[in-house]
PDB file of all heavy atoms in Angstrom:
ATOM      1  N   GLY A   1       3.012 -11.491  -8.268  1.00  0.00           N
ATOM      2  CA  GLY A   1       2.018 -12.098  -9.131  1.00  0.00           C
ATOM      3  C   GLY A   1       0.700 -12.438  -8.458  1.00  0.00           C
ATOM      4  O   GLY A   1      -0.149 -13.086  -9.053  1.00  0.00           O
ATOM      5  N   ARG A   2       0.518 -12.004  -7.225  1.00  0.00           N
ATOM      6  CA  ARG A   2      -0.717 -12.295  -6.489  1.00  0.00           C
ATOM      7  C   ARG A   2      -1.346 -10.993  -5.995  1.00  0.00           C
ATOM      8  O   ARG A   2      -0.659 -10.014  -5.770  1.00  0.00           O
ATOM      9  CB  ARG A   2      -0.431 -13.210  -5.296  1.00  0.00           C
ATOM     10  CG  ARG A   2       0.164 -14.544  -5.702  1.00  0.00           C
ATOM     11  CD  ARG A   2       0.120 -15.513  -4.531  1.00  0.00           C
ATOM     12  NE  ARG A   2       0.801 -16.744  -4.831  1.00  0.00           N
ATOM     13  CZ  ARG A   2       0.266 -17.755  -5.488  1.00  0.00           C
ATOM     14  NH1 ARG A   2      -0.959 -17.679  -5.935  1.00  0.00           N
ATOM     15  NH2 ARG A   2       0.953 -18.857  -5.701  1.00  0.00           N
ATOM     16  N   ILE A   3      -2.650 -11.036  -5.789  1.00  0.00           N
ATOM     17  CA  ILE A   3      -3.353  -9.873  -5.263  1.00  0.00           C
ATOM     18  C   ILE A   3      -3.001  -9.697  -3.795  1.00  0.00           C
ATOM     19  O   ILE A   3      -3.229 -10.603  -2.981  1.00  0.00           O
ATOM     20  CB  ILE A   3      -4.878 -10.012  -5.438  1.00  0.00           C
ATOM     21  CG1 ILE A   3      -5.243 -10.077  -6.921  1.00  0.00           C
ATOM     22  CG2 ILE A   3      -5.594  -8.849  -4.750  1.00  0.00           C
ATOM     23  CD1 ILE A   3      -6.710 -10.388  -7.186  1.00  0.00           C
ATOM     24  N   LEU A   4      -2.427  -8.553  -3.476  1.00  0.00           N
ATOM     25  CA  LEU A   4      -2.085  -8.225  -2.093  1.00  0.00           C
ATOM     26  C   LEU A   4      -3.210  -7.425  -1.446  1.00  0.00           C
ATOM     27  O   LEU A   4      -3.533  -7.609  -0.277  1.00  0.00           O
ATOM     28  CB  LEU A   4      -0.773  -7.431  -2.044  1.00  0.00           C
ATOM     29  CG  LEU A   4      -0.276  -7.034  -0.672  1.00  0.00           C
ATOM     30  CD1 LEU A   4       0.090  -8.260   0.136  1.00  0.00           C
ATOM     31  CD2 LEU A   4       0.925  -6.119  -0.789  1.00  0.00           C
ATOM     32  N   ALA A   5      -3.813  -6.531  -2.215  1.00  0.00           N
ATOM     33  CA  ALA A   5      -4.911  -5.717  -1.688  1.00  0.00           C
ATOM     34  C   ALA A   5      -5.727  -5.174  -2.860  1.00  0.00           C
ATOM     35  O   ALA A   5      -5.210  -5.016  -3.961  1.00  0.00           O
ATOM     36  CB  ALA A   5      -4.362  -4.565  -0.855  1.00  0.00           C
ATOM     37  N   GLN A   6      -6.986  -4.882  -2.567  1.00  0.00           N
ATOM     38  CA  GLN A   6      -7.847  -4.271  -3.567  1.00  0.00           C
ATOM     39  C   GLN A   6      -8.915  -3.465  -2.848  1.00  0.00           C
ATOM     40  O   GLN A   6      -9.308  -3.789  -1.744  1.00  0.00           O
ATOM     41  CB  GLN A   6      -8.475  -5.317  -4.474  1.00  0.00           C
ATOM     42  CG  GLN A   6      -9.347  -6.326  -3.768  1.00  0.00           C
ATOM     43  CD  GLN A   6      -9.852  -7.403  -4.709  1.00  0.00           C
ATOM     44  OE1 GLN A   6      -9.991  -7.183  -5.896  1.00  0.00           O
ATOM     45  NE2 GLN A   6     -10.137  -8.572  -4.169  1.00  0.00           N
ATOM     46  N   GLY A   7      -9.332  -2.377  -3.491  1.00  0.00           N
ATOM     47  CA  GLY A   7     -10.355  -1.532  -2.900  1.00  0.00           C
ATOM     48  C   GLY A   7     -10.180  -0.098  -3.347  1.00  0.00           C
ATOM     49  O   GLY A   7      -9.522   0.182  -4.351  1.00  0.00           O
ATOM     50  N   THR A   8     -10.747   0.812  -2.596  1.00  0.00           N
ATOM     51  CA  THR A   8     -10.614   2.227  -2.929  1.00  0.00           C
ATOM     52  C   THR A   8      -9.170   2.663  -2.720  1.00  0.00           C
ATOM     53  O   THR A   8      -8.415   2.015  -1.975  1.00  0.00           O
ATOM     54  CB  THR A   8     -11.548   3.098  -2.079  1.00  0.00           C
ATOM     55  OG1 THR A   8     -11.149   2.997  -0.708  1.00  0.00           O
ATOM     56  CG2 THR A   8     -13.002   2.688  -2.240  1.00  0.00           C
ATOM     57  N   LYS A   9      -8.815   3.778  -3.339  1.00  0.00           N
ATOM     58  CA  LYS A   9      -7.437   4.281  -3.188  1.00  0.00           C
ATOM     59  C   LYS A   9      -7.091   4.480  -1.722  1.00  0.00           C
ATOM     60  O   LYS A   9      -6.005   4.091  -1.281  1.00  0.00           O
ATOM     61  CB  LYS A   9      -7.255   5.599  -3.944  1.00  0.00           C
ATOM     62  CG  LYS A   9      -7.148   5.450  -5.424  1.00  0.00           C
ATOM     63  CD  LYS A   9      -6.723   6.727  -6.112  1.00  0.00           C
ATOM     64  CE  LYS A   9      -7.731   7.824  -5.957  1.00  0.00           C
ATOM     65  NZ  LYS A   9      -7.433   8.999  -6.810  1.00  0.00           N
ATOM     66  N   SER A  10      -8.002   5.078  -0.956  1.00  0.00           N
ATOM     67  CA  SER A  10      -7.690   5.365   0.448  1.00  0.00           C
ATOM     68  C   SER A  10      -7.527   4.086   1.274  1.00  0.00           C
ATOM     69  O   SER A  10      -6.796   4.077   2.254  1.00  0.00           O
ATOM     70  CB  SER A  10      -8.757   6.274   1.069  1.00  0.00           C
ATOM     71  OG  SER A  10     -10.018   5.650   1.042  1.00  0.00           O
ATOM     72  N   GLN A  11      -8.175   2.999   0.864  1.00  0.00           N
ATOM     73  CA  GLN A  11      -8.026   1.727   1.569  1.00  0.00           C
ATOM     74  C   GLN A  11      -6.707   1.043   1.230  1.00  0.00           C
ATOM     75  O   GLN A  11      -6.087   0.422   2.097  1.00  0.00           O
ATOM     76  CB  GLN A  11      -9.161   0.773   1.196  1.00  0.00           C
ATOM     77  CG  GLN A  11     -10.523   1.159   1.689  1.00  0.00           C
ATOM     78  CD  GLN A  11     -11.604   0.260   1.105  1.00  0.00           C
ATOM     79  OE1 GLN A  11     -11.547  -0.135  -0.059  1.00  0.00           O
ATOM     80  NE2 GLN A  11     -12.598  -0.060   1.918  1.00  0.00           N
ATOM     81  N   VAL A  12      -6.279   1.148  -0.016  1.00  0.00           N
ATOM     82  CA  VAL A  12      -5.133   0.370  -0.492  1.00  0.00           C
ATOM     83  C   VAL A  12      -3.825   1.150  -0.442  1.00  0.00           C
ATOM     84  O   VAL A  12      -2.782   0.597  -0.085  1.00  0.00           O
ATOM     85  CB  VAL A  12      -5.390  -0.144  -1.922  1.00  0.00           C
ATOM     86  CG1 VAL A  12      -4.183  -0.881  -2.470  1.00  0.00           C
ATOM     87  CG2 VAL A  12      -6.621  -1.054  -1.943  1.00  0.00           C
ATOM     88  N   LEU A  13      -3.850   2.422  -0.786  1.00  0.00           N
ATOM     89  CA  LEU A  13      -2.607   3.205  -0.850  1.00  0.00           C
ATOM     90  C   LEU A  13      -2.234   3.729   0.530  1.00  0.00           C
ATOM     91  O   LEU A  13      -2.277   4.923   0.815  1.00  0.00           O
ATOM     92  CB  LEU A  13      -2.755   4.347  -1.861  1.00  0.00           C
ATOM     93  CG  LEU A  13      -3.005   3.910  -3.300  1.00  0.00           C
ATOM     94  CD1 LEU A  13      -3.120   5.120  -4.210  1.00  0.00           C
ATOM     95  CD2 LEU A  13      -1.917   2.966  -3.790  1.00  0.00           C
ATOM     96  N   THR A  14      -1.822   2.808   1.385  1.00  0.00           N
ATOM     97  CA  THR A  14      -1.405   3.154   2.745  1.00  0.00           C
ATOM     98  C   THR A  14       0.058   2.771   2.929  1.00  0.00           C
ATOM     99  O   THR A  14       0.593   1.923   2.198  1.00  0.00           O
ATOM    100  CB  THR A  14      -2.249   2.402   3.791  1.00  0.00           C
ATOM    101  OG1 THR A  14      -1.972   0.994   3.701  1.00  0.00           O
ATOM    102  CG2 THR A  14      -3.741   2.667   3.612  1.00  0.00           C
ATOM    103  N   SER A  15       0.687   3.371   3.908  1.00  0.00           N
ATOM    104  CA  SER A  15       2.087   3.047   4.203  1.00  0.00           C
ATOM    105  C   SER A  15       2.240   1.572   4.536  1.00  0.00           C
ATOM    106  O   SER A  15       3.170   0.910   4.064  1.00  0.00           O
ATOM    107  CB  SER A  15       2.588   3.912   5.366  1.00  0.00           C
ATOM    108  OG  SER A  15       2.542   5.278   5.029  1.00  0.00           O
ATOM    109  N   GLU A  16       1.321   1.032   5.318  1.00  0.00           N
ATOM    110  CA  GLU A  16       1.402  -0.378   5.713  1.00  0.00           C
ATOM    111  C   GLU A  16       1.292  -1.310   4.508  1.00  0.00           C
ATOM    112  O   GLU A  16       2.111  -2.219   4.327  1.00  0.00           O
ATOM    113  CB  GLU A  16       0.294  -0.695   6.715  1.00  0.00           C
ATOM    114  CG  GLU A  16       0.267  -2.147   7.149  1.00  0.00           C
ATOM    115  CD  GLU A  16      -0.901  -2.468   8.062  1.00  0.00           C
ATOM    116  OE1 GLU A  16      -1.435  -1.551   8.714  1.00  0.00           O
ATOM    117  OE2 GLU A  16      -1.273  -3.647   8.112  1.00  0.00           O
ATOM    118  N   THR A  17       0.309  -1.078   3.666  1.00  0.00           N
ATOM    119  CA  THR A  17       0.091  -1.968   2.523  1.00  0.00           C
ATOM    120  C   THR A  17       1.237  -1.889   1.525  1.00  0.00           C
ATOM    121  O   THR A  17       1.727  -2.925   1.049  1.00  0.00           O
ATOM    122  CB  THR A  17      -1.234  -1.609   1.813  1.00  0.00           C
ATOM    123  OG1 THR A  17      -2.291  -1.651   2.771  1.00  0.00           O
ATOM    124  CG2 THR A  17      -1.537  -2.589   0.703  1.00  0.00           C
ATOM    125  N   LEU A  18       1.692  -0.684   1.204  1.00  0.00           N
ATOM    126  CA  LEU A  18       2.772  -0.559   0.232  1.00  0.00           C
ATOM    127  C   LEU A  18       4.115  -1.009   0.812  1.00  0.00           C
ATOM    128  O   LEU A  18       4.979  -1.475   0.066  1.00  0.00           O
ATOM    129  CB  LEU A  18       2.840   0.859  -0.318  1.00  0.00           C
ATOM    130  CG  LEU A  18       1.655   1.180  -1.246  1.00  0.00           C
ATOM    131  CD1 LEU A  18       1.665   2.635  -1.664  1.00  0.00           C
ATOM    132  CD2 LEU A  18       1.662   0.291  -2.466  1.00  0.00           C
ATOM    133  N   SER A  19       4.301  -0.918   2.118  1.00  0.00           N
ATOM    134  CA  SER A  19       5.504  -1.469   2.733  1.00  0.00           C
ATOM    135  C   SER A  19       5.539  -2.985   2.551  1.00  0.00           C
ATOM    136  O   SER A  19       6.582  -3.559   2.243  1.00  0.00           O
ATOM    137  CB  SER A  19       5.555  -1.123   4.223  1.00  0.00           C
ATOM    138  OG  SER A  19       5.742   0.255   4.415  1.00  0.00           O
ATOM    139  N   ARG A  20       4.382  -3.622   2.709  1.00  0.00           N
ATOM    140  CA  ARG A  20       4.318  -5.075   2.468  1.00  0.00           C
ATOM    141  C   ARG A  20       4.590  -5.395   1.000  1.00  0.00           C
ATOM    142  O   ARG A  20       5.297  -6.356   0.687  1.00  0.00           O
ATOM    143  CB  ARG A  20       2.959  -5.635   2.877  1.00  0.00           C
ATOM    144  CG  ARG A  20       2.804  -5.768   4.371  1.00  0.00           C
ATOM    145  CD  ARG A  20       1.556  -6.531   4.776  1.00  0.00           C
ATOM    146  NE  ARG A  20       0.374  -5.763   4.413  1.00  0.00           N
ATOM    147  CZ  ARG A  20      -0.740  -6.282   3.906  1.00  0.00           C
ATOM    148  NH1 ARG A  20      -0.840  -7.579   3.704  1.00  0.00           N
ATOM    149  NH2 ARG A  20      -1.764  -5.519   3.603  1.00  0.00           N
ATOM    150  N   ALA A  21       4.050  -4.576   0.102  1.00  0.00           N
ATOM    151  CA  ALA A  21       4.223  -4.834  -1.333  1.00  0.00           C
ATOM    152  C   ALA A  21       5.679  -4.712  -1.750  1.00  0.00           C
ATOM    153  O   ALA A  21       6.183  -5.536  -2.517  1.00  0.00           O
ATOM    154  CB  ALA A  21       3.366  -3.861  -2.147  1.00  0.00           C
ATOM    155  N   PHE A  22       6.363  -3.681  -1.259  1.00  0.00           N
ATOM    156  CA  PHE A  22       7.751  -3.434  -1.666  1.00  0.00           C
ATOM    157  C   PHE A  22       8.773  -4.147  -0.783  1.00  0.00           C
ATOM    158  O   PHE A  22       9.959  -4.182  -1.102  1.00  0.00           O
ATOM    159  CB  PHE A  22       8.048  -1.933  -1.671  1.00  0.00           C
ATOM    160  CG  PHE A  22       7.370  -1.195  -2.793  1.00  0.00           C
ATOM    161  CD1 PHE A  22       6.431  -0.215  -2.531  1.00  0.00           C
ATOM    162  CD2 PHE A  22       7.671  -1.473  -4.116  1.00  0.00           C
ATOM    163  CE1 PHE A  22       5.807   0.475  -3.560  1.00  0.00           C
ATOM    164  CE2 PHE A  22       7.057  -0.802  -5.151  1.00  0.00           C
ATOM    165  CZ  PHE A  22       6.116   0.175  -4.866  1.00  0.00           C
ATOM    166  N   GLY A  23       8.339  -4.688   0.349  1.00  0.00           N
ATOM    167  CA  GLY A  23       9.268  -5.362   1.251  1.00  0.00           C
ATOM    168  C   GLY A  23      10.229  -4.394   1.917  1.00  0.00           C
ATOM    169  O   GLY A  23      11.309  -4.796   2.362  1.00  0.00           O
ATOM    170  N   GLU A  24       9.847  -3.136   1.981  1.00  0.00           N
ATOM    171  CA  GLU A  24      10.659  -2.068   2.587  1.00  0.00           C
ATOM    172  C   GLU A  24       9.704  -1.115   3.295  1.00  0.00           C
ATOM    173  O   GLU A  24       8.582  -0.900   2.819  1.00  0.00           O
ATOM    174  CB  GLU A  24      11.388  -1.258   1.505  1.00  0.00           C
ATOM    175  CG  GLU A  24      12.305  -2.048   0.628  1.00  0.00           C
ATOM    176  CD  GLU A  24      13.744  -1.905   1.068  1.00  0.00           C
ATOM    177  OE1 GLU A  24      14.037  -1.023   1.879  1.00  0.00           O
ATOM    178  OE2 GLU A  24      14.554  -2.698   0.584  1.00  0.00           O
ATOM    179  N   PRO A  25      10.139  -0.498   4.389  1.00  0.00           N
ATOM    180  CA  PRO A  25       9.261   0.477   5.038  1.00  0.00           C
ATOM    181  C   PRO A  25       9.142   1.754   4.196  1.00  0.00           C
ATOM    182  O   PRO A  25      10.149   2.349   3.816  1.00  0.00           O
ATOM    183  CB  PRO A  25       9.941   0.762   6.370  1.00  0.00           C
ATOM    184  CG  PRO A  25      11.354   0.322   6.214  1.00  0.00           C
ATOM    185  CD  PRO A  25      11.380  -0.719   5.131  1.00  0.00           C
ATOM    186  N   VAL A  26       7.908   2.114   3.855  1.00  0.00           N
ATOM    187  CA  VAL A  26       7.657   3.316   3.073  1.00  0.00           C
ATOM    188  C   VAL A  26       6.623   4.178   3.786  1.00  0.00           C
ATOM    189  O   VAL A  26       5.865   3.700   4.627  1.00  0.00           O
ATOM    190  CB  VAL A  26       7.149   2.995   1.643  1.00  0.00           C
ATOM    191  CG1 VAL A  26       8.159   2.156   0.878  1.00  0.00           C
ATOM    192  CG2 VAL A  26       5.796   2.314   1.673  1.00  0.00           C
ATOM    193  N   THR A  27       6.624   5.428   3.427  1.00  0.00           N
ATOM    194  CA  THR A  27       5.619   6.366   3.921  1.00  0.00           C
ATOM    195  C   THR A  27       4.830   6.862   2.720  1.00  0.00           C
ATOM    196  O   THR A  27       5.406   7.329   1.743  1.00  0.00           O
ATOM    197  CB  THR A  27       6.279   7.563   4.642  1.00  0.00           C
ATOM    198  OG1 THR A  27       7.031   7.055   5.746  1.00  0.00           O
ATOM    199  CG2 THR A  27       5.234   8.544   5.133  1.00  0.00           C
ATOM    200  N   VAL A  28       3.510   6.747   2.805  1.00  0.00           N
ATOM    201  CA  VAL A  28       2.625   7.232   1.754  1.00  0.00           C
ATOM    202  C   VAL A  28       1.901   8.455   2.293  1.00  0.00           C
ATOM    203  O   VAL A  28       1.396   8.440   3.411  1.00  0.00           O
ATOM    204  CB  VAL A  28       1.598   6.151   1.348  1.00  0.00           C
ATOM    205  CG1 VAL A  28       0.629   6.690   0.308  1.00  0.00           C
ATOM    206  CG2 VAL A  28       2.310   4.918   0.826  1.00  0.00           C
ATOM    207  N   ARG A  29       1.898   9.498   1.489  1.00  0.00           N
ATOM    208  CA  ARG A  29       1.190  10.723   1.854  1.00  0.00           C
ATOM    209  C   ARG A  29       0.182  11.051   0.772  1.00  0.00           C
ATOM    210  O   ARG A  29       0.450  10.865  -0.411  1.00  0.00           O
ATOM    211  CB  ARG A  29       2.161  11.874   2.030  1.00  0.00           C
ATOM    212  CG  ARG A  29       3.032  11.733   3.254  1.00  0.00           C
ATOM    213  CD  ARG A  29       3.855  13.000   3.517  1.00  0.00           C
ATOM    214  NE  ARG A  29       4.631  12.857   4.727  1.00  0.00           N
ATOM    215  CZ  ARG A  29       5.809  12.271   4.798  1.00  0.00           C
ATOM    216  NH1 ARG A  29       6.363  11.781   3.713  1.00  0.00           N
ATOM    217  NH2 ARG A  29       6.458  12.184   5.938  1.00  0.00           N
ATOM    218  N   GLN A  30      -0.964  11.567   1.215  1.00  0.00           N
ATOM    219  CA  GLN A  30      -1.985  12.021   0.275  1.00  0.00           C
ATOM    220  C   GLN A  30      -2.123  13.523   0.402  1.00  0.00           C
ATOM    221  O   GLN A  30      -2.268  14.068   1.499  1.00  0.00           O
ATOM    222  CB  GLN A  30      -3.326  11.359   0.559  1.00  0.00           C
ATOM    223  CG  GLN A  30      -4.409  11.798  -0.398  1.00  0.00           C
ATOM    224  CD  GLN A  30      -5.749  11.180  -0.104  1.00  0.00           C
ATOM    225  OE1 GLN A  30      -5.890  10.382   0.812  1.00  0.00           O
ATOM    226  NE2 GLN A  30      -6.745  11.559  -0.875  1.00  0.00           N
ATOM    227  N   VAL A  31      -2.044  14.211  -0.735  1.00  0.00           N
ATOM    228  CA  VAL A  31      -2.281  15.646  -0.799  1.00  0.00           C
ATOM    229  C   VAL A  31      -3.365  15.851  -1.843  1.00  0.00           C
ATOM    230  O   VAL A  31      -3.165  15.529  -3.023  1.00  0.00           O
ATOM    231  CB  VAL A  31      -1.003  16.432  -1.179  1.00  0.00           C
ATOM    232  CG1 VAL A  31      -1.296  17.911  -1.312  1.00  0.00           C
ATOM    233  CG2 VAL A  31       0.103  16.179  -0.163  1.00  0.00           C
TER     234      VAL A  31
END
């Protein structure tokens, strides 16, 4: 319910940021 990150897609959609959001280690890839 709180803002974790905001900005451009490339700034926010990172493995580090989404790992914090989900509470699990994730890998984000951009194609």
